[in-house]
Amino acid sequence: MKVYNEVNAIDKKTKPVALKKGESATYRLLGVNINSKDPSKTKVPCSQNVPNRDRIWDENKSEFVDIAMIASIGSEGPSYRTLWFEQQNLGTIVLQGGAVRDAEAYEYMELCNYNASNEKRDESIAPLFYRVDLKKESDSRRKGRSTKRQALNLAAEMGAADVRNFVAMMGWPEDQELVVLRDKVEEYAESHPEEFVRRSKNKQNAIYALISRAKTARVITFDGASNTWKWSDSQEQICTVARGTKKEDSLVAHLVESEHGAEVLKALKTALK
């Protein structure tokens, strides 16, 4: 950055490592939702300029220093450069290594408090943008695609009983053709891949499905006042749900782990025949 009087008079150790020729730094306006499948559908709230002056704490000088994007210095003082996050560029600014103007802008963008990725920024100042980690974003997208493939493969390999159990566990209506239910399961796997993988690998899915069917058939009911599961006809208590625990999880644990769990499980199956 060009130095004018005390402006940009930062310590050499404070300067960010310069971009090499062929390297680039990408910054994105906060609030931009990138649509990687169709960039034209990317949502950019509005065009926004980067304030071209700021004050930062220079740890190496142990004092505050004014910084600015100075374009040139003339007889009447400096003129300033302004960068814009424009809608037509999807709210993104790319600075290239090896270009003088970009190198100066890069120093400012890295050091200013408006950069949410600047770990040393003054957090009392609202950030406007962040530096994009292209590798991290690519890894995240690839992981997402991998998880989606895994979820769709698991859904495709489900047997008829597994499909119906998953549908029941989710509380969806079961009175439809298997192909319709399978389509619903695969649709859920595509839209919620991580959740589907987690749920489909649960060894107690058949018991969760049984509980859901028993609730629908009014064989059992959950009493919110006493935080207990009960038989609907006799109102006899089955188990109490511990505070902070999901009610279905508590009932599954009771059926699998408690002394009388097997007996209750058998009674549930009999009631639903």
Protein backbone atom coordinates (compact mmCIF):
# COMPACT_ATOMS: atom_id res chain seq x y z
CA MET A 1 0.00 0.00 0.00
CA LYS A 2 1.21 3.52 -0.76
CA VAL A 3 2.30 5.43 2.35
CA TYR A 4 1.12 9.02 2.88
CA ASN A 5 2.28 10.72 6.07
CA GLU A 6 1.32 8.14 8.72
CA VAL A 7 -1.36 6.44 6.61
CA ASN A 8 -0.39 2.83 5.73
CA ALA A 9 2.73 3.14 7.87
CA ILE A 10 2.39 -0.40 9.14
CA ASP A 11 5.24 -2.55 10.36
CA LYS A 12 6.78 -4.79 7.68
CA LYS A 13 5.99 -7.83 9.81
CA THR A 14 2.32 -6.84 9.81
CA LYS A 15 2.02 -7.05 6.02
CA PRO A 16 0.36 -10.20 4.69
CA VAL A 17 2.43 -12.62 2.63
CA ALA A 18 2.27 -11.29 -0.92
CA LEU A 19 0.53 -13.24 -3.66
CA LYS A 20 2.91 -14.80 -6.15
CA LYS A 21 2.41 -14.43 -9.86
CA GLY A 22 -0.24 -16.94 -10.91
CA GLU A 23 -1.84 -16.93 -7.45
CA SER A 24 -5.11 -15.17 -6.68
CA ALA A 25 -7.25 -14.19 -3.71
CA THR A 26 -11.04 -14.34 -3.93
CA TYR A 27 -13.33 -12.34 -1.65
CA ARG A 28 -17.10 -12.67 -1.43
CA LEU A 29 -19.73 -10.33 -0.05
CA LEU A 30 -21.44 -11.70 3.06
CA GLY A 31 -24.99 -12.82 2.39
CA VAL A 32 -24.29 -14.11 -1.12
CA ASN A 33 -25.78 -17.55 -1.67
CA ILE A 34 -23.79 -19.22 -4.46
CA ASN A 35 -25.74 -21.67 -6.63
CA SER A 36 -22.94 -23.93 -7.93
CA LYS A 37 -25.30 -25.82 -10.26
CA ASP A 38 -26.65 -22.68 -11.91
CA PRO A 39 -24.59 -19.52 -11.16
CA SER A 40 -27.26 -17.39 -12.82
CA LYS A 41 -29.51 -18.21 -9.86
CA THR A 42 -26.95 -17.02 -7.32
CA LYS A 43 -28.55 -14.56 -4.92
CA VAL A 44 -26.62 -11.32 -4.40
CA PRO A 45 -28.38 -8.90 -2.01
CA CYS A 46 -26.97 -5.77 -3.71
CA SER A 47 -23.79 -4.21 -5.05
CA GLN A 48 -21.60 -3.01 -2.20
CA ASN A 49 -18.43 -0.98 -2.07
CA VAL A 50 -15.57 -1.70 0.31
CA PRO A 51 -14.88 1.34 2.54
CA ASN A 52 -11.46 2.48 1.40
CA ARG A 53 -10.23 3.73 4.78
CA ASP A 54 -9.92 1.97 8.11
CA ARG A 55 -7.96 1.96 11.36
CA ILE A 56 -6.29 -1.23 12.58
CA TRP A 57 -4.25 -2.32 15.56
CA ASP A 58 -0.67 -3.05 14.51
CA GLU A 59 0.60 -5.65 16.99
CA ASN A 60 4.18 -5.21 15.86
CA LYS A 61 4.10 -1.44 16.51
CA SER A 62 1.74 -1.73 19.48
CA GLU A 63 -0.35 1.13 18.18
CA PHE A 64 -3.29 1.95 15.94
CA VAL A 65 -2.50 2.71 12.31
CA ASP A 66 -4.73 4.28 9.68
CA ILE A 67 -4.82 2.32 6.45
CA ALA A 68 -6.35 3.20 3.10
CA MET A 69 -6.57 2.09 -0.52
CA ILE A 70 -4.57 4.95 -1.97
CA ALA A 71 -4.69 5.01 -5.76
CA SER A 72 -2.20 7.84 -6.23
CA ILE A 73 -0.59 10.74 -4.41
CA GLY A 74 -0.63 14.20 -5.99
CA SER A 75 0.21 17.74 -5.01
CA GLU A 76 -3.10 18.06 -3.18
CA GLY A 77 -2.76 14.77 -1.38
CA PRO A 78 -3.92 11.23 -2.04
CA SER A 79 -6.78 9.98 -4.19
CA TYR A 80 -8.45 6.79 -3.14
CA ARG A 81 -9.45 3.63 -4.95
CA THR A 82 -12.81 1.99 -4.31
CA LEU A 83 -13.54 -1.71 -4.89
CA TRP A 84 -17.07 -2.94 -5.49
CA PHE A 85 -18.74 -6.28 -4.94
CA GLU A 86 -21.02 -6.16 -7.96
CA GLN A 87 -24.11 -8.25 -8.68
CA GLN A 88 -22.86 -8.98 -12.19
CA ASN A 89 -19.74 -10.57 -10.68
CA LEU A 90 -21.84 -12.61 -8.20
CA GLY A 91 -20.70 -10.43 -5.30
CA THR A 92 -17.10 -11.56 -5.77
CA ILE A 93 -13.76 -9.75 -6.13
CA VAL A 94 -10.69 -11.58 -7.43
CA LEU A 95 -7.21 -10.08 -6.98
CA GLN A 96 -4.27 -11.44 -8.97
CA GLY A 97 -0.68 -11.86 -7.83
CA GLY A 98 1.91 -10.01 -9.92
CA ALA A 99 -0.30 -6.98 -10.58
CA VAL A 100 0.75 -3.86 -8.63
CA ARG A 101 -2.75 -2.42 -8.17
CA ASP A 102 -4.10 -5.80 -7.08
CA ALA A 103 -1.15 -6.31 -4.70
CA GLU A 104 -1.92 -3.04 -2.92
CA ALA A 105 -5.64 -3.80 -2.78
CA TYR A 106 -4.82 -7.29 -1.48
CA GLU A 107 -2.87 -5.87 1.46
CA TYR A 108 -5.76 -3.61 2.39
CA MET A 109 -8.40 -6.37 2.00
CA GLU A 110 -6.38 -8.72 4.20
CA LEU A 111 -5.74 -6.18 6.96
CA CYS A 112 -9.01 -4.24 7.17
CA ASN A 113 -11.66 -4.89 9.79
CA TYR A 114 -14.35 -5.42 7.14
CA ASN A 115 -12.83 -8.81 6.28
CA ALA A 116 -14.60 -11.48 8.34
CA SER A 117 -11.69 -13.86 7.65
CA ASN A 118 -9.22 -11.51 9.35
CA GLU A 119 -8.62 -13.16 12.71
CA LYS A 120 -7.15 -9.94 14.12
CA ARG A 121 -10.05 -7.72 13.06
CA ASP A 122 -11.87 -5.39 15.45
CA GLU A 123 -15.04 -7.37 16.14
CA SER A 124 -16.95 -4.23 17.09
CA ILE A 125 -16.98 -3.35 13.38
CA ALA A 126 -19.52 -5.17 11.21
CA PRO A 127 -17.80 -7.33 8.56
CA LEU A 128 -18.79 -6.95 4.90
CA PHE A 129 -16.99 -9.80 3.16
CA TYR A 130 -14.81 -12.85 3.66
CA ARG A 131 -11.95 -14.51 1.83
CA VAL A 132 -13.05 -17.58 -0.06
CA ASP A 133 -11.12 -20.78 0.62
CA LEU A 134 -11.57 -22.40 -2.80
CA LYS A 135 -10.06 -25.72 -1.70
CA LYS A 136 -12.26 -25.88 1.39
CA GLU A 137 -15.37 -25.03 -0.64
CA SER A 138 -14.47 -27.65 -3.26
CA ASP A 139 -13.86 -30.27 -0.57
CA SER A 140 -17.22 -29.41 1.01
CA ARG A 141 -19.07 -29.69 -2.31
CA ARG A 142 -17.37 -33.01 -3.11
CA LYS A 143 -18.21 -34.33 0.34
CA GLY A 144 -21.82 -33.26 -0.18
CA ARG A 145 -22.02 -35.08 -3.51
CA SER A 146 -20.40 -38.17 -1.99
CA THR A 147 -22.90 -38.19 0.88
CA LYS A 148 -25.79 -37.78 -1.56
CA ARG A 149 -24.53 -40.72 -3.66
CA GLN A 150 -24.24 -42.81 -0.50
CA ALA A 151 -27.75 -41.87 0.58
CA LEU A 152 -29.29 -42.67 -2.81
CA ASN A 153 -27.44 -46.00 -2.97
CA LEU A 154 -28.70 -46.93 0.50
CA ALA A 155 -32.25 -46.00 -0.51
CA ALA A 156 -32.03 -48.02 -3.73
CA GLU A 157 -30.80 -51.09 -1.84
CA MET A 158 -33.63 -51.03 0.73
CA GLY A 159 -35.91 -54.04 0.77
CA ALA A 160 -39.69 -53.65 0.90
CA ALA A 161 -39.79 -54.08 4.69
CA ASP A 162 -37.01 -51.52 5.16
CA VAL A 163 -38.85 -49.02 2.98
CA ARG A 164 -42.10 -49.46 4.91
CA ASN A 165 -40.28 -49.26 8.25
CA PHE A 166 -38.55 -46.03 7.21
CA VAL A 167 -41.86 -44.55 6.06
CA ALA A 168 -43.51 -45.51 9.36
CA MET A 169 -40.57 -44.19 11.38
CA MET A 170 -40.92 -40.82 9.61
CA GLY A 171 -44.63 -40.76 10.39
CA TRP A 172 -45.65 -40.79 6.71
CA PRO A 173 -48.82 -42.57 5.52
CA GLU A 174 -48.10 -46.20 4.66
CA ASP A 175 -51.32 -46.97 2.74
CA GLN A 176 -49.78 -46.53 -0.71
CA GLU A 177 -48.12 -48.72 -3.33
CA LEU A 178 -44.54 -49.75 -2.56
CA VAL A 179 -43.22 -47.87 -5.61
CA VAL A 180 -44.80 -44.65 -4.28
CA LEU A 181 -43.28 -45.18 -0.83
CA ARG A 182 -39.88 -46.00 -2.32
CA ASP A 183 -40.02 -42.80 -4.38
CA LYS A 184 -40.78 -40.82 -1.22
CA VAL A 185 -37.84 -42.43 0.60
CA GLU A 186 -35.46 -41.76 -2.31
CA GLU A 187 -36.68 -38.16 -2.53
CA TYR A 188 -35.90 -37.70 1.17
CA ALA A 189 -32.47 -39.31 0.68
CA GLU A 190 -31.72 -36.81 -2.10
CA SER A 191 -32.89 -33.72 -0.21
CA HIS A 192 -31.58 -34.70 3.26
CA PRO A 193 -28.63 -37.03 2.54
CA GLU A 194 -26.77 -36.72 5.85
CA GLU A 195 -29.93 -37.19 7.91
CA PHE A 196 -31.02 -40.12 5.74
CA VAL A 197 -27.66 -41.90 6.09
CA ARG A 198 -27.78 -41.45 9.86
CA ARG A 199 -31.35 -42.71 10.14
CA SER A 200 -30.99 -45.59 7.71
CA LYS A 201 -27.99 -46.98 9.62
CA ASN A 202 -29.88 -47.03 12.93
CA LYS A 203 -30.20 -50.67 14.00
CA GLN A 204 -33.41 -49.89 15.88
CA ASN A 205 -35.35 -48.59 12.86
CA ALA A 206 -37.84 -51.46 13.04
CA ILE A 207 -38.62 -50.55 16.66
CA TYR A 208 -39.00 -46.84 15.83
CA ALA A 209 -41.38 -47.88 13.03
CA LEU A 210 -43.31 -50.08 15.46
CA ILE A 211 -43.69 -47.17 17.90
CA SER A 212 -44.90 -44.89 15.12
CA ARG A 213 -47.49 -47.45 14.00
CA ALA A 214 -48.61 -48.01 17.58
CA LYS A 215 -49.11 -44.25 18.03
CA THR A 216 -51.08 -44.00 14.79
CA ALA A 217 -53.26 -46.96 15.80
CA ARG A 218 -53.75 -45.38 19.25
CA VAL A 219 -52.31 -48.43 20.98
CA ILE A 220 -49.98 -46.19 22.97
CA THR A 221 -49.99 -42.48 23.74
CA PHE A 222 -47.57 -39.96 25.16
CA ASP A 223 -48.80 -37.94 28.14
CA GLY A 224 -47.01 -34.60 28.07
CA ALA A 225 -48.25 -33.62 31.54
CA SER A 226 -46.56 -36.55 33.26
CA ASN A 227 -43.88 -37.02 30.59
CA THR A 228 -44.75 -40.70 30.29
CA TRP A 229 -45.69 -43.27 27.66
CA LYS A 230 -48.95 -45.08 28.42
CA TRP A 231 -51.20 -47.79 27.03
CA SER A 232 -54.13 -45.92 25.47
CA ASP A 233 -56.90 -48.25 26.69
CA SER A 234 -55.82 -48.80 30.29
CA GLN A 235 -53.72 -45.63 30.77
CA GLU A 236 -51.15 -47.89 32.44
CA GLN A 237 -47.68 -46.36 32.41
CA ILE A 238 -45.06 -47.94 30.16
CA CYS A 239 -42.08 -45.71 30.96
CA THR A 240 -41.08 -42.18 31.96
CA VAL A 241 -39.10 -39.97 29.61
CA ALA A 242 -36.04 -38.37 31.18
CA ARG A 243 -35.87 -34.58 30.92
CA GLY A 244 -33.92 -33.47 27.86
CA THR A 245 -34.41 -36.81 26.08
CA LYS A 246 -36.49 -37.35 22.94
CA LYS A 247 -39.62 -39.29 23.83
CA GLU A 248 -39.21 -41.89 21.05
CA ASP A 249 -35.55 -42.46 22.04
CA SER A 250 -36.58 -43.08 25.63
CA LEU A 251 -39.23 -45.61 24.65
CA VAL A 252 -36.81 -47.43 22.33
CA ALA A 253 -34.24 -47.60 25.13
CA HIS A 254 -36.91 -48.97 27.47
CA LEU A 255 -37.95 -51.67 24.99
CA VAL A 256 -34.38 -52.71 24.27
CA GLU A 257 -32.65 -52.35 27.63
CA SER A 258 -35.16 -52.57 30.50
CA GLU A 259 -36.13 -55.71 32.39
CA HIS A 260 -39.70 -55.71 31.05
CA GLY A 261 -38.86 -54.25 27.64
CA ALA A 262 -39.15 -57.52 25.74
CA GLU A 263 -42.58 -58.12 27.25
CA VAL A 264 -43.81 -54.64 26.22
CA LEU A 265 -42.34 -55.09 22.73
CA LYS A 266 -44.18 -58.38 22.31
CA ALA A 267 -47.43 -56.76 23.48
CA LEU A 268 -47.00 -53.95 20.94
CA LYS A 269 -46.48 -56.38 18.09
CA THR A 270 -49.52 -58.41 19.16
CA ALA A 271 -51.72 -55.30 19.38
CA LEU A 272 -50.83 -54.30 15.83
CA LYS A 273 -51.59 -57.67 14.20
